[in-house]
Amino acid sequence: MNTMLKVALAVAAVVAIVVAGINILPKSGGVGGTAPAPSSATPSPTAAPSPSPTSSLASTAGWLAFSSKRYGYDIRYPSYLTPTQSVRQWSLTVDQKDWLSPANDTFRGQVGFTAFSVNLPAGTTRDAWIASYYRQYGIPSPDPCTHTPVDLGTKAVDGHPVIFYRDSDVGATCGGTTAFVNVGNRLYVFFIGLPGWEPTLEALLSTVTFQP
């Protein structure tokens, strides 16, 4: 028994020495070691990308030329539209009921685009004429459409001031955007007949020149 006790004590002593040695050795990271402490450095902030514009002007590259024989303007138009010259002078009392009246210069295709011009009566301002234009809209009362001024990027057409009105998109009778351009005592009216086509309308207007 004394011999066995001595052996057990010797083994216990060796184990104690090994454990003590392991505890005093430096700890290292890597496989099987203690993971290194995470770095306290703050990562450099990344600049947020600039938001892309929701819409931009349509490209006019390769557009075709059109010259209005009646209304005295030149314009370029995309090949997916087919132009038709007006057959007579546009009239508020007759033609406002039909936005595709033959009195318009009309461009038809993926979207409808029309143009005409009128002489402002003496003493009638642009805004007064526009108010009269929308009163004659030709839709049974009460008019289900609303016509709201809208601020687009285009401020002038061939150097002449322009304002835009957007129609409410209600059923088949409403929708689209109209541009009104003052050239002296003459008022030009350009209309594109679907919501969401304002960039194309502005691109069309960017190609307009008014004849002397």
N, C-alpha and C. Protein backbone atom coordinates (compact mmCIF):
# COMPACT_ATOMS: atom_id res chain seq x y z
N MET A 1 0.83 -1.19 0.00
CA MET A 1 0.00 0.00 0.00
C MET A 1 0.86 1.24 0.00
N ASN A 2 2.00 1.21 0.77
CA ASN A 2 2.89 2.38 0.82
C ASN A 2 3.46 2.67 -0.56
N THR A 3 3.80 1.60 -1.30
CA THR A 3 4.37 1.80 -2.64
C THR A 3 3.34 2.41 -3.58
N MET A 4 2.13 1.90 -3.52
CA MET A 4 1.08 2.43 -4.38
C MET A 4 0.78 3.88 -4.04
N LEU A 5 0.80 4.22 -2.78
CA LEU A 5 0.55 5.61 -2.38
C LEU A 5 1.61 6.54 -2.91
N LYS A 6 2.87 6.06 -2.87
CA LYS A 6 3.96 6.90 -3.37
C LYS A 6 3.80 7.14 -4.88
N VAL A 7 3.42 6.07 -5.62
CA VAL A 7 3.23 6.23 -7.07
C VAL A 7 2.12 7.22 -7.37
N ALA A 8 1.01 7.12 -6.63
CA ALA A 8 -0.13 8.02 -6.86
C ALA A 8 0.25 9.45 -6.59
N LEU A 9 1.01 9.67 -5.50
CA LEU A 9 1.43 11.03 -5.18
C LEU A 9 2.35 11.59 -6.25
N ALA A 10 3.22 10.73 -6.78
CA ALA A 10 4.14 11.18 -7.83
C ALA A 10 3.39 11.58 -9.09
N VAL A 11 2.39 10.77 -9.49
CA VAL A 11 1.59 11.08 -10.67
C VAL A 11 0.84 12.39 -10.49
N ALA A 12 0.27 12.57 -9.27
CA ALA A 12 -0.47 13.80 -8.99
C ALA A 12 0.44 15.01 -9.09
N ALA A 13 1.67 14.85 -8.63
CA ALA A 13 2.62 15.97 -8.68
C ALA A 13 2.95 16.33 -10.12
N VAL A 14 3.15 15.29 -10.97
CA VAL A 14 3.45 15.56 -12.38
C VAL A 14 2.29 16.28 -13.06
N VAL A 15 1.06 15.83 -12.80
CA VAL A 15 -0.11 16.47 -13.40
C VAL A 15 -0.21 17.92 -12.97
N ALA A 16 0.03 18.19 -11.72
CA ALA A 16 -0.04 19.56 -11.22
C ALA A 16 0.96 20.45 -11.91
N ILE A 17 2.18 19.91 -12.14
CA ILE A 17 3.22 20.71 -12.81
C ILE A 17 2.81 21.01 -14.24
N VAL A 18 2.25 20.00 -14.95
CA VAL A 18 1.84 20.21 -16.34
C VAL A 18 0.74 21.26 -16.43
N VAL A 19 -0.25 21.15 -15.55
CA VAL A 19 -1.36 22.12 -15.56
C VAL A 19 -0.85 23.52 -15.28
N ALA A 20 0.05 23.65 -14.35
CA ALA A 20 0.60 24.97 -14.02
C ALA A 20 1.36 25.54 -15.20
N GLY A 21 2.10 24.67 -15.90
CA GLY A 21 2.86 25.14 -17.06
C GLY A 21 1.95 25.64 -18.17
N ILE A 22 0.85 24.91 -18.40
CA ILE A 22 -0.09 25.34 -19.45
C ILE A 22 -0.67 26.69 -19.10
N ASN A 23 -1.00 26.91 -17.85
CA ASN A 23 -1.65 28.17 -17.45
C ASN A 23 -0.73 29.37 -17.56
N ILE A 24 0.58 29.15 -17.43
CA ILE A 24 1.48 30.30 -17.50
C ILE A 24 1.98 30.57 -18.91
N LEU A 25 1.72 29.64 -19.86
CA LEU A 25 2.13 29.89 -21.24
C LEU A 25 1.27 30.98 -21.85
N PRO A 26 1.79 31.85 -22.77
CA PRO A 26 0.98 32.89 -23.41
C PRO A 26 -0.06 32.28 -24.33
N LYS A 27 -1.24 32.84 -24.26
CA LYS A 27 -2.34 32.38 -25.11
C LYS A 27 -2.23 33.04 -26.48
N SER A 28 -2.53 32.31 -27.54
CA SER A 28 -2.44 32.83 -28.89
C SER A 28 -3.72 32.53 -29.63
N GLY A 29 -4.01 33.38 -30.66
CA GLY A 29 -5.21 33.16 -31.47
C GLY A 29 -4.95 32.09 -32.50
N GLY A 30 -5.89 31.96 -33.43
CA GLY A 30 -5.75 30.99 -34.50
C GLY A 30 -6.48 29.72 -34.15
N VAL A 31 -6.26 28.73 -34.96
CA VAL A 31 -6.94 27.47 -34.79
C VAL A 31 -6.58 26.87 -33.45
N GLY A 32 -7.56 26.50 -32.65
CA GLY A 32 -7.33 25.87 -31.36
C GLY A 32 -7.00 26.84 -30.27
N GLY A 33 -6.79 28.14 -30.59
CA GLY A 33 -6.46 29.11 -29.56
C GLY A 33 -7.63 30.01 -29.25
N THR A 34 -7.36 30.99 -28.39
CA THR A 34 -8.40 31.94 -28.04
C THR A 34 -8.53 32.96 -29.16
N ALA A 35 -9.77 33.25 -29.60
CA ALA A 35 -9.99 34.20 -30.69
C ALA A 35 -9.52 35.57 -30.30
N PRO A 36 -8.85 36.29 -31.20
CA PRO A 36 -8.38 37.63 -30.86
C PRO A 36 -9.55 38.57 -30.64
N ALA A 37 -9.35 39.55 -29.78
CA ALA A 37 -10.40 40.52 -29.49
C ALA A 37 -10.72 41.32 -30.74
N PRO A 38 -12.00 41.63 -30.95
CA PRO A 38 -12.35 42.41 -32.14
C PRO A 38 -11.75 43.78 -32.11
N SER A 39 -11.39 44.30 -33.30
CA SER A 39 -10.78 45.62 -33.38
C SER A 39 -11.78 46.68 -32.98
N SER A 40 -11.32 47.66 -32.26
CA SER A 40 -12.20 48.75 -31.83
C SER A 40 -12.26 49.88 -32.85
N ALA A 41 -11.50 49.75 -33.96
CA ALA A 41 -11.47 50.82 -34.96
C ALA A 41 -12.82 50.91 -35.67
N THR A 42 -13.31 52.10 -35.86
CA THR A 42 -14.58 52.33 -36.54
C THR A 42 -14.36 52.38 -38.05
N PRO A 43 -15.10 51.58 -38.84
CA PRO A 43 -14.88 51.60 -40.30
C PRO A 43 -15.24 52.96 -40.88
N SER A 44 -14.52 53.32 -41.93
CA SER A 44 -14.79 54.60 -42.57
C SER A 44 -16.17 54.58 -43.20
N PRO A 45 -16.94 55.66 -43.04
CA PRO A 45 -18.28 55.68 -43.63
C PRO A 45 -18.21 55.66 -45.15
N THR A 46 -19.16 54.99 -45.78
CA THR A 46 -19.25 54.93 -47.24
C THR A 46 -20.29 55.91 -47.71
N ALA A 47 -19.93 56.75 -48.67
CA ALA A 47 -20.87 57.76 -49.16
C ALA A 47 -22.04 57.09 -49.85
N ALA A 48 -23.25 57.55 -49.52
CA ALA A 48 -24.45 57.00 -50.14
C ALA A 48 -24.51 57.44 -51.60
N PRO A 49 -24.89 56.54 -52.49
CA PRO A 49 -24.97 56.93 -53.91
C PRO A 49 -26.05 57.97 -54.12
N SER A 50 -25.81 58.88 -55.03
CA SER A 50 -26.82 59.89 -55.34
C SER A 50 -28.02 59.23 -55.99
N PRO A 51 -29.23 59.62 -55.60
CA PRO A 51 -30.41 59.02 -56.21
C PRO A 51 -30.49 59.34 -57.69
N SER A 52 -30.88 58.36 -58.47
CA SER A 52 -31.02 58.61 -59.91
C SER A 52 -32.33 59.32 -60.16
N PRO A 53 -32.41 60.18 -61.17
CA PRO A 53 -33.66 60.90 -61.44
C PRO A 53 -34.76 59.93 -61.82
N THR A 54 -35.98 60.26 -61.43
CA THR A 54 -37.11 59.38 -61.74
C THR A 54 -37.48 59.44 -63.20
N SER A 55 -37.13 60.51 -63.85
CA SER A 55 -37.41 60.62 -65.28
C SER A 55 -36.41 61.58 -65.90
N SER A 56 -36.19 61.43 -67.17
CA SER A 56 -35.30 62.33 -67.89
C SER A 56 -35.85 62.52 -69.29
N LEU A 57 -35.38 63.56 -69.94
CA LEU A 57 -35.86 63.83 -71.28
C LEU A 57 -35.52 62.68 -72.22
N ALA A 58 -36.46 62.34 -73.08
CA ALA A 58 -36.21 61.32 -74.08
C ALA A 58 -35.16 61.82 -75.06
N SER A 59 -34.35 60.91 -75.57
CA SER A 59 -33.35 61.28 -76.56
C SER A 59 -34.03 61.65 -77.87
N THR A 60 -33.56 62.70 -78.50
CA THR A 60 -34.12 63.13 -79.79
C THR A 60 -33.24 62.71 -80.97
N ALA A 61 -32.24 61.89 -80.69
CA ALA A 61 -31.34 61.44 -81.76
C ALA A 61 -32.12 60.67 -82.83
N GLY A 62 -31.91 61.03 -84.08
CA GLY A 62 -32.57 60.34 -85.17
C GLY A 62 -34.02 60.72 -85.41
N TRP A 63 -34.52 61.73 -84.69
CA TRP A 63 -35.91 62.13 -84.89
C TRP A 63 -36.10 62.80 -86.25
N LEU A 64 -37.32 62.74 -86.74
CA LEU A 64 -37.65 63.22 -88.07
C LEU A 64 -38.20 64.65 -88.02
N ALA A 65 -38.13 65.35 -89.14
CA ALA A 65 -38.55 66.75 -89.19
C ALA A 65 -40.00 66.87 -89.65
N PHE A 66 -40.70 67.82 -89.03
CA PHE A 66 -42.08 68.15 -89.43
C PHE A 66 -42.21 69.65 -89.41
N SER A 67 -42.84 70.20 -90.45
CA SER A 67 -43.09 71.64 -90.52
C SER A 67 -44.58 71.87 -90.67
N SER A 68 -45.17 72.57 -89.73
CA SER A 68 -46.60 72.81 -89.77
C SER A 68 -46.92 73.84 -90.85
N LYS A 69 -47.76 73.46 -91.79
CA LYS A 69 -48.13 74.37 -92.87
C LYS A 69 -49.11 75.44 -92.40
N ARG A 70 -49.88 75.13 -91.38
CA ARG A 70 -50.91 76.07 -90.93
C ARG A 70 -50.48 76.91 -89.74
N TYR A 71 -49.76 76.29 -88.80
CA TYR A 71 -49.53 76.96 -87.51
C TYR A 71 -48.14 77.55 -87.35
N GLY A 72 -47.28 77.40 -88.35
CA GLY A 72 -46.03 78.16 -88.35
C GLY A 72 -45.01 77.75 -87.31
N TYR A 73 -44.78 76.46 -87.16
CA TYR A 73 -43.71 75.99 -86.28
C TYR A 73 -43.06 74.77 -86.94
N ASP A 74 -41.84 74.50 -86.55
CA ASP A 74 -41.13 73.29 -86.96
C ASP A 74 -40.85 72.46 -85.72
N ILE A 75 -40.85 71.14 -85.87
CA ILE A 75 -40.64 70.25 -84.74
C ILE A 75 -40.00 68.97 -85.26
N ARG A 76 -39.33 68.26 -84.39
CA ARG A 76 -38.83 66.93 -84.70
C ARG A 76 -39.60 65.92 -83.86
N TYR A 77 -39.82 64.72 -84.41
CA TYR A 77 -40.65 63.74 -83.74
C TYR A 77 -40.06 62.34 -83.91
N PRO A 78 -40.33 61.41 -82.99
CA PRO A 78 -39.78 60.06 -83.10
C PRO A 78 -40.48 59.25 -84.18
N SER A 79 -39.80 58.24 -84.68
CA SER A 79 -40.31 57.47 -85.82
C SER A 79 -41.52 56.63 -85.46
N TYR A 80 -41.79 56.42 -84.17
CA TYR A 80 -42.97 55.63 -83.81
C TYR A 80 -44.26 56.47 -83.86
N LEU A 81 -44.16 57.74 -84.22
CA LEU A 81 -45.34 58.58 -84.43
C LEU A 81 -45.49 58.89 -85.91
N THR A 82 -46.75 59.02 -86.32
CA THR A 82 -47.05 59.37 -87.71
C THR A 82 -47.79 60.71 -87.72
N PRO A 83 -47.20 61.74 -88.35
CA PRO A 83 -47.82 63.07 -88.32
C PRO A 83 -48.87 63.25 -89.41
N THR A 84 -49.85 64.10 -89.11
CA THR A 84 -50.87 64.50 -90.07
C THR A 84 -51.08 66.00 -89.95
N GLN A 85 -51.02 66.71 -91.07
CA GLN A 85 -51.23 68.15 -91.06
C GLN A 85 -52.72 68.46 -90.76
N SER A 86 -52.96 69.58 -90.09
CA SER A 86 -54.34 70.02 -89.85
C SER A 86 -55.02 70.35 -91.18
N VAL A 87 -56.35 70.23 -91.20
CA VAL A 87 -57.09 70.51 -92.43
C VAL A 87 -57.76 71.88 -92.39
N ARG A 88 -57.79 72.50 -91.22
CA ARG A 88 -58.40 73.83 -91.09
C ARG A 88 -57.94 74.46 -89.78
N GLN A 89 -58.29 75.74 -89.60
CA GLN A 89 -57.92 76.46 -88.39
C GLN A 89 -58.70 75.92 -87.19
N TRP A 90 -57.99 75.73 -86.09
CA TRP A 90 -58.62 75.23 -84.87
C TRP A 90 -59.53 76.30 -84.28
N SER A 91 -60.68 75.88 -83.72
CA SER A 91 -61.66 76.80 -83.13
C SER A 91 -62.06 76.29 -81.75
N LEU A 92 -62.09 77.18 -80.77
CA LEU A 92 -62.44 76.80 -79.40
C LEU A 92 -63.85 76.23 -79.32
N THR A 93 -64.79 76.87 -79.98
CA THR A 93 -66.19 76.44 -79.86
C THR A 93 -66.48 75.13 -80.59
N VAL A 94 -65.64 74.80 -81.59
CA VAL A 94 -65.90 73.60 -82.39
C VAL A 94 -65.00 72.44 -81.98
N ASP A 95 -63.73 72.72 -81.76
CA ASP A 95 -62.74 71.64 -81.71
C ASP A 95 -62.33 71.18 -80.33
N GLN A 96 -62.67 71.93 -79.29
CA GLN A 96 -62.25 71.50 -77.97
C GLN A 96 -62.94 70.21 -77.54
N LYS A 97 -64.07 69.88 -78.14
CA LYS A 97 -64.76 68.65 -77.79
C LYS A 97 -64.06 67.41 -78.33
N ASP A 98 -63.08 67.60 -79.21
CA ASP A 98 -62.40 66.46 -79.82
C ASP A 98 -60.89 66.72 -79.81
N TRP A 99 -60.18 66.06 -78.90
CA TRP A 99 -58.74 66.34 -78.80
C TRP A 99 -57.98 65.81 -80.02
N LEU A 100 -58.62 64.93 -80.81
CA LEU A 100 -58.02 64.46 -82.06
C LEU A 100 -58.71 65.10 -83.26
N SER A 101 -59.20 66.31 -83.06
CA SER A 101 -59.85 67.03 -84.14
C SER A 101 -58.93 67.16 -85.35
N PRO A 102 -59.46 67.08 -86.57
CA PRO A 102 -58.62 67.29 -87.76
C PRO A 102 -58.07 68.71 -87.87
N ALA A 103 -58.54 69.62 -87.01
CA ALA A 103 -57.97 70.96 -86.98
C ALA A 103 -56.62 70.99 -86.27
N ASN A 104 -56.26 69.92 -85.56
CA ASN A 104 -54.94 69.79 -84.94
C ASN A 104 -53.93 69.27 -85.95
N ASP A 105 -52.67 69.67 -85.78
CA ASP A 105 -51.59 68.84 -86.28
C ASP A 105 -51.53 67.65 -85.32
N THR A 106 -51.63 66.44 -85.86
CA THR A 106 -51.76 65.26 -85.01
C THR A 106 -50.65 64.26 -85.30
N PHE A 107 -50.08 63.71 -84.23
CA PHE A 107 -49.03 62.69 -84.32
C PHE A 107 -49.55 61.47 -83.57
N ARG A 108 -49.73 60.37 -84.28
CA ARG A 108 -50.32 59.18 -83.66
C ARG A 108 -49.34 58.01 -83.69
N GLY A 109 -49.42 57.18 -82.65
CA GLY A 109 -48.56 56.01 -82.56
C GLY A 109 -48.70 55.42 -81.18
N GLN A 110 -47.58 55.21 -80.50
CA GLN A 110 -47.60 54.68 -79.15
C GLN A 110 -48.31 55.64 -78.19
N VAL A 111 -48.34 56.89 -78.55
CA VAL A 111 -49.01 57.91 -77.76
C VAL A 111 -49.56 58.94 -78.75
N GLY A 112 -50.58 59.68 -78.36
CA GLY A 112 -51.09 60.75 -79.20
C GLY A 112 -50.51 62.09 -78.80
N PHE A 113 -50.07 62.85 -79.79
CA PHE A 113 -49.52 64.19 -79.55
C PHE A 113 -50.20 65.13 -80.54
N THR A 114 -50.68 66.28 -80.06
CA THR A 114 -51.37 67.23 -80.94
C THR A 114 -50.81 68.63 -80.73
N ALA A 115 -51.03 69.48 -81.73
CA ALA A 115 -50.57 70.86 -81.67
C ALA A 115 -51.48 71.74 -82.51
N PHE A 116 -51.71 72.95 -82.01
CA PHE A 116 -52.41 73.97 -82.78
C PHE A 116 -52.06 75.32 -82.16
N SER A 117 -52.51 76.39 -82.80
CA SER A 117 -52.31 77.72 -82.23
C SER A 117 -53.51 78.59 -82.55
N VAL A 118 -53.70 79.61 -81.72
CA VAL A 118 -54.79 80.57 -81.90
C VAL A 118 -54.26 81.97 -81.64
N ASN A 119 -54.90 82.95 -82.23
CA ASN A 119 -54.63 84.34 -81.88
C ASN A 119 -55.44 84.69 -80.64
N LEU A 120 -54.78 85.27 -79.64
CA LEU A 120 -55.51 85.70 -78.45
C LEU A 120 -56.36 86.91 -78.80
N PRO A 121 -57.66 86.88 -78.49
CA PRO A 121 -58.50 88.06 -78.75
C PRO A 121 -57.97 89.27 -78.00
N ALA A 122 -58.20 90.45 -78.54
CA ALA A 122 -57.74 91.69 -77.89
C ALA A 122 -58.27 91.75 -76.47
N GLY A 123 -57.39 92.05 -75.54
CA GLY A 123 -57.77 92.18 -74.14
C GLY A 123 -57.85 90.87 -73.39
N THR A 124 -57.60 89.73 -74.06
CA THR A 124 -57.65 88.42 -73.40
C THR A 124 -56.24 87.97 -73.05
N THR A 125 -56.02 87.68 -71.78
CA THR A 125 -54.71 87.19 -71.34
C THR A 125 -54.60 85.69 -71.61
N ARG A 126 -53.39 85.24 -71.54
CA ARG A 126 -53.15 83.79 -71.69
C ARG A 126 -53.95 83.00 -70.67
N ASP A 127 -53.88 83.41 -69.39
CA ASP A 127 -54.55 82.65 -68.34
C ASP A 127 -56.06 82.68 -68.50
N ALA A 128 -56.60 83.80 -68.96
CA ALA A 128 -58.05 83.88 -69.19
C ALA A 128 -58.45 82.94 -70.32
N TRP A 129 -57.64 82.88 -71.36
CA TRP A 129 -57.97 81.99 -72.47
C TRP A 129 -57.91 80.53 -72.01
N ILE A 130 -56.90 80.18 -71.22
CA ILE A 130 -56.79 78.80 -70.71
C ILE A 130 -58.01 78.43 -69.87
N ALA A 131 -58.45 79.37 -69.03
CA ALA A 131 -59.65 79.10 -68.22
C ALA A 131 -60.85 78.84 -69.10
N SER A 132 -60.99 79.62 -70.18
CA SER A 132 -62.09 79.42 -71.12
C SER A 132 -61.92 78.09 -71.85
N TYR A 133 -60.70 77.76 -72.19
CA TYR A 133 -60.40 76.50 -72.88
C TYR A 133 -60.87 75.31 -72.05
N TYR A 134 -60.61 75.33 -70.76
CA TYR A 134 -61.00 74.19 -69.94
C TYR A 134 -62.49 74.21 -69.61
N ARG A 135 -63.12 75.38 -69.63
CA ARG A 135 -64.58 75.41 -69.45
C ARG A 135 -65.28 74.78 -70.65
N GLN A 136 -64.65 74.81 -71.81
CA GLN A 136 -65.23 74.26 -73.02
C GLN A 136 -64.78 72.82 -73.26
N TYR A 137 -64.41 72.14 -72.20
CA TYR A 137 -63.75 70.85 -72.36
C TYR A 137 -64.61 69.80 -73.05
N GLY A 138 -65.92 70.00 -73.09
CA GLY A 138 -66.77 69.10 -73.86
C GLY A 138 -67.19 67.85 -73.13
N ILE A 139 -67.00 67.80 -71.81
CA ILE A 139 -67.38 66.64 -71.01
C ILE A 139 -68.62 67.01 -70.21
N PRO A 140 -69.62 66.14 -70.10
CA PRO A 140 -70.84 66.48 -69.39
C PRO A 140 -70.57 67.00 -67.99
N SER A 141 -71.33 68.00 -67.58
CA SER A 141 -71.17 68.61 -66.27
C SER A 141 -71.66 67.65 -65.18
N PRO A 142 -71.03 67.58 -64.01
CA PRO A 142 -69.77 68.26 -63.70
C PRO A 142 -68.59 67.56 -64.36
N ASP A 143 -67.60 68.35 -64.75
CA ASP A 143 -66.41 67.83 -65.43
C ASP A 143 -65.66 66.88 -64.49
N PRO A 144 -65.52 65.59 -64.83
CA PRO A 144 -64.81 64.67 -63.94
C PRO A 144 -63.30 64.86 -63.96
N CYS A 145 -62.79 65.62 -64.92
CA CYS A 145 -61.35 65.85 -65.01
C CYS A 145 -60.97 67.09 -64.20
N THR A 146 -59.76 67.09 -63.72
CA THR A 146 -59.19 68.30 -63.15
C THR A 146 -57.95 68.65 -63.96
N HIS A 147 -57.67 69.93 -64.07
CA HIS A 147 -56.56 70.42 -64.88
C HIS A 147 -55.71 71.30 -63.98
N THR A 148 -54.57 70.77 -63.57
CA THR A 148 -53.77 71.41 -62.53
C THR A 148 -52.45 71.90 -63.09
N PRO A 149 -52.08 73.16 -62.83
CA PRO A 149 -50.75 73.61 -63.27
C PRO A 149 -49.66 72.74 -62.65
N VAL A 150 -48.64 72.42 -63.42
CA VAL A 150 -47.55 71.59 -62.94
C VAL A 150 -46.24 72.22 -63.38
N ASP A 151 -45.26 72.19 -62.48
CA ASP A 151 -43.96 72.80 -62.74
C ASP A 151 -43.01 71.74 -63.28
N LEU A 152 -42.74 71.77 -64.58
CA LEU A 152 -41.78 70.86 -65.19
C LEU A 152 -40.45 71.58 -65.40
N GLY A 153 -39.46 70.84 -65.84
CA GLY A 153 -38.13 71.44 -66.00
C GLY A 153 -38.06 72.46 -67.11
N THR A 154 -38.87 72.30 -68.14
CA THR A 154 -38.84 73.22 -69.29
C THR A 154 -39.52 74.53 -68.92
N LYS A 155 -38.83 75.64 -69.10
CA LYS A 155 -39.38 76.96 -68.77
C LYS A 155 -39.66 77.81 -70.00
N ALA A 156 -39.10 77.42 -71.13
CA ALA A 156 -39.30 78.19 -72.36
C ALA A 156 -39.18 77.25 -73.55
N VAL A 157 -39.87 77.61 -74.63
CA VAL A 157 -39.81 76.86 -75.88
C VAL A 157 -39.36 77.84 -76.96
N ASP A 158 -38.21 77.58 -77.53
CA ASP A 158 -37.61 78.48 -78.53
C ASP A 158 -37.56 79.92 -77.99
N GLY A 159 -37.26 80.05 -76.71
CA GLY A 159 -37.13 81.37 -76.09
C GLY A 159 -38.42 82.00 -75.63
N HIS A 160 -39.54 81.30 -75.73
CA HIS A 160 -40.84 81.85 -75.35
C HIS A 160 -41.38 81.13 -74.12
N PRO A 161 -42.02 81.85 -73.20
CA PRO A 161 -42.46 81.23 -71.94
C PRO A 161 -43.51 80.14 -72.16
N VAL A 162 -43.43 79.11 -71.31
CA VAL A 162 -44.35 77.98 -71.41
C VAL A 162 -44.87 77.66 -70.01
N ILE A 163 -46.13 77.27 -69.92
CA ILE A 163 -46.67 76.72 -68.69
C ILE A 163 -47.35 75.40 -69.03
N PHE A 164 -47.42 74.51 -68.03
CA PHE A 164 -47.96 73.18 -68.23
C PHE A 164 -49.17 72.96 -67.33
N TYR A 165 -50.14 72.24 -67.86
CA TYR A 165 -51.28 71.78 -67.08
C TYR A 165 -51.36 70.26 -67.23
N ARG A 166 -51.54 69.58 -66.09
CA ARG A 166 -51.68 68.12 -66.09
C ARG A 166 -53.13 67.76 -65.82
N ASP A 167 -53.66 66.87 -66.66
CA ASP A 167 -55.03 66.38 -66.46
C ASP A 167 -55.02 65.22 -65.48
N SER A 168 -56.09 65.14 -64.69
CA SER A 168 -56.23 63.99 -63.82
C SER A 168 -56.44 62.74 -64.66
N ASP A 169 -55.98 61.61 -64.14
CA ASP A 169 -56.11 60.34 -64.87
C ASP A 169 -57.38 59.64 -64.37
N VAL A 170 -58.51 59.97 -64.98
CA VAL A 170 -59.79 59.43 -64.56
C VAL A 170 -60.47 58.81 -65.77
N GLY A 171 -60.46 57.50 -65.83
CA GLY A 171 -61.14 56.81 -66.93
C GLY A 171 -60.53 57.14 -68.28
N ALA A 172 -61.33 56.97 -69.31
CA ALA A 172 -60.84 57.15 -70.67
C ALA A 172 -60.90 58.60 -71.13
N THR A 173 -61.55 59.47 -70.37
CA THR A 173 -61.76 60.84 -70.83
C THR A 173 -60.69 61.80 -70.34
N CYS A 174 -59.86 61.38 -69.40
CA CYS A 174 -58.89 62.29 -68.80
C CYS A 174 -57.49 61.70 -68.88
N GLY A 175 -56.52 62.54 -68.58
CA GLY A 175 -55.13 62.10 -68.57
C GLY A 175 -54.32 62.79 -69.65
N GLY A 176 -53.07 63.08 -69.33
CA GLY A 176 -52.19 63.76 -70.28
C GLY A 176 -51.75 65.11 -69.76
N THR A 177 -50.91 65.77 -70.52
CA THR A 177 -50.33 67.06 -70.12
C THR A 177 -50.34 68.00 -71.30
N THR A 178 -50.68 69.26 -71.03
CA THR A 178 -50.75 70.29 -72.06
C THR A 178 -49.73 71.38 -71.79
N ALA A 179 -49.05 71.82 -72.84
CA ALA A 179 -48.12 72.95 -72.76
C ALA A 179 -48.73 74.13 -73.52
N PHE A 180 -48.71 75.31 -72.88
CA PHE A 180 -49.21 76.54 -73.49
C PHE A 180 -48.02 77.48 -73.66
N VAL A 181 -47.77 77.89 -74.90
CA VAL A 181 -46.60 78.72 -75.20
C VAL A 181 -47.06 80.04 -75.82
N ASN A 182 -46.66 81.15 -75.20
CA ASN A 182 -46.96 82.48 -75.73
C ASN A 182 -45.91 82.91 -76.75
N VAL A 183 -46.36 83.26 -77.93
CA VAL A 183 -45.48 83.86 -78.94
C VAL A 183 -46.17 85.13 -79.42
N GLY A 184 -45.81 86.25 -78.81
CA GLY A 184 -46.52 87.51 -79.10
C GLY A 184 -47.98 87.39 -78.69
N ASN A 185 -48.88 87.74 -79.61
CA ASN A 185 -50.31 87.63 -79.30
C ASN A 185 -50.87 86.28 -79.74
N ARG A 186 -49.98 85.34 -80.04
CA ARG A 186 -50.42 84.02 -80.47
C ARG A 186 -50.10 83.00 -79.37
N LEU A 187 -51.02 82.06 -79.17
CA LEU A 187 -50.84 81.05 -78.14
C LEU A 187 -50.80 79.67 -78.82
N TYR A 188 -49.71 78.94 -78.56
CA TYR A 188 -49.55 77.59 -79.08
C TYR A 188 -49.91 76.58 -77.98
N VAL A 189 -50.60 75.51 -78.39
CA VAL A 189 -51.07 74.50 -77.46
C VAL A 189 -50.56 73.14 -77.93
N PHE A 190 -49.71 72.52 -77.09
CA PHE A 190 -49.16 71.20 -77.39
C PHE A 190 -49.65 70.23 -76.32
N PHE A 191 -50.16 69.09 -76.74
CA PHE A 191 -50.76 68.15 -75.79
C PHE A 191 -50.26 66.74 -76.06
N ILE A 192 -49.90 66.02 -74.99
CA ILE A 192 -49.57 64.60 -75.10
C ILE A 192 -50.58 63.82 -74.28
N GLY A 193 -51.13 62.77 -74.86
CA GLY A 193 -52.39 62.23 -74.38
C GLY A 193 -52.35 61.06 -73.42
N LEU A 194 -51.23 60.80 -72.74
CA LEU A 194 -51.20 59.74 -71.74
C LEU A 194 -50.42 60.20 -70.52
N PRO A 195 -50.83 59.78 -69.31
CA PRO A 195 -50.01 60.06 -68.13
C PRO A 195 -48.64 59.39 -68.26
N GLY A 196 -47.63 60.01 -67.67
CA GLY A 196 -46.30 59.43 -67.65
C GLY A 196 -45.44 59.74 -68.86
N TRP A 197 -45.98 60.50 -69.82
CA TRP A 197 -45.23 60.81 -71.04
C TRP A 197 -44.70 62.24 -71.04
N GLU A 198 -44.64 62.87 -69.90
CA GLU A 198 -44.15 64.25 -69.84
C GLU A 198 -42.70 64.39 -70.31
N PRO A 199 -41.78 63.43 -70.00
CA PRO A 199 -40.43 63.56 -70.56
C PRO A 199 -40.42 63.61 -72.07
N THR A 200 -41.30 62.84 -72.73
CA THR A 200 -41.38 62.89 -74.19
C THR A 200 -41.96 64.22 -74.66
N LEU A 201 -42.96 64.72 -73.95
CA LEU A 201 -43.50 66.04 -74.29
C LEU A 201 -42.41 67.09 -74.23
N GLU A 202 -41.63 67.10 -73.17
CA GLU A 202 -40.55 68.09 -73.04
C GLU A 202 -39.49 67.91 -74.13
N ALA A 203 -39.20 66.65 -74.46
CA ALA A 203 -38.23 66.41 -75.54
C ALA A 203 -38.76 66.93 -76.87
N LEU A 204 -40.03 66.71 -77.15
CA LEU A 204 -40.64 67.27 -78.37
C LEU A 204 -40.53 68.79 -78.38
N LEU A 205 -40.87 69.41 -77.26
CA LEU A 205 -40.82 70.86 -77.20
C LEU A 205 -39.40 71.40 -77.36
N SER A 206 -38.41 70.61 -76.94
CA SER A 206 -37.01 71.07 -77.06
C SER A 206 -36.58 71.19 -78.51
N THR A 207 -37.33 70.58 -79.43
CA THR A 207 -36.97 70.65 -80.85
C THR A 207 -37.78 71.70 -81.61
N VAL A 208 -38.73 72.36 -80.96
CA VAL A 208 -39.63 73.30 -81.63
C VAL A 208 -38.91 74.60 -81.95
N THR A 209 -39.13 75.09 -83.16
CA THR A 209 -38.78 76.47 -83.53
C THR A 209 -39.99 77.09 -84.18
N PHE A 210 -40.22 78.37 -83.86
CA PHE A 210 -41.37 79.08 -84.42
C PHE A 210 -40.93 79.87 -85.64
N GLN A 211 -41.69 79.73 -86.70
CA GLN A 211 -41.38 80.43 -87.94
C GLN A 211 -41.70 81.92 -87.81
N PRO A 212 -40.95 82.79 -88.49
CA PRO A 212 -41.22 84.23 -88.41
C PRO A 212 -42.63 84.55 -88.90
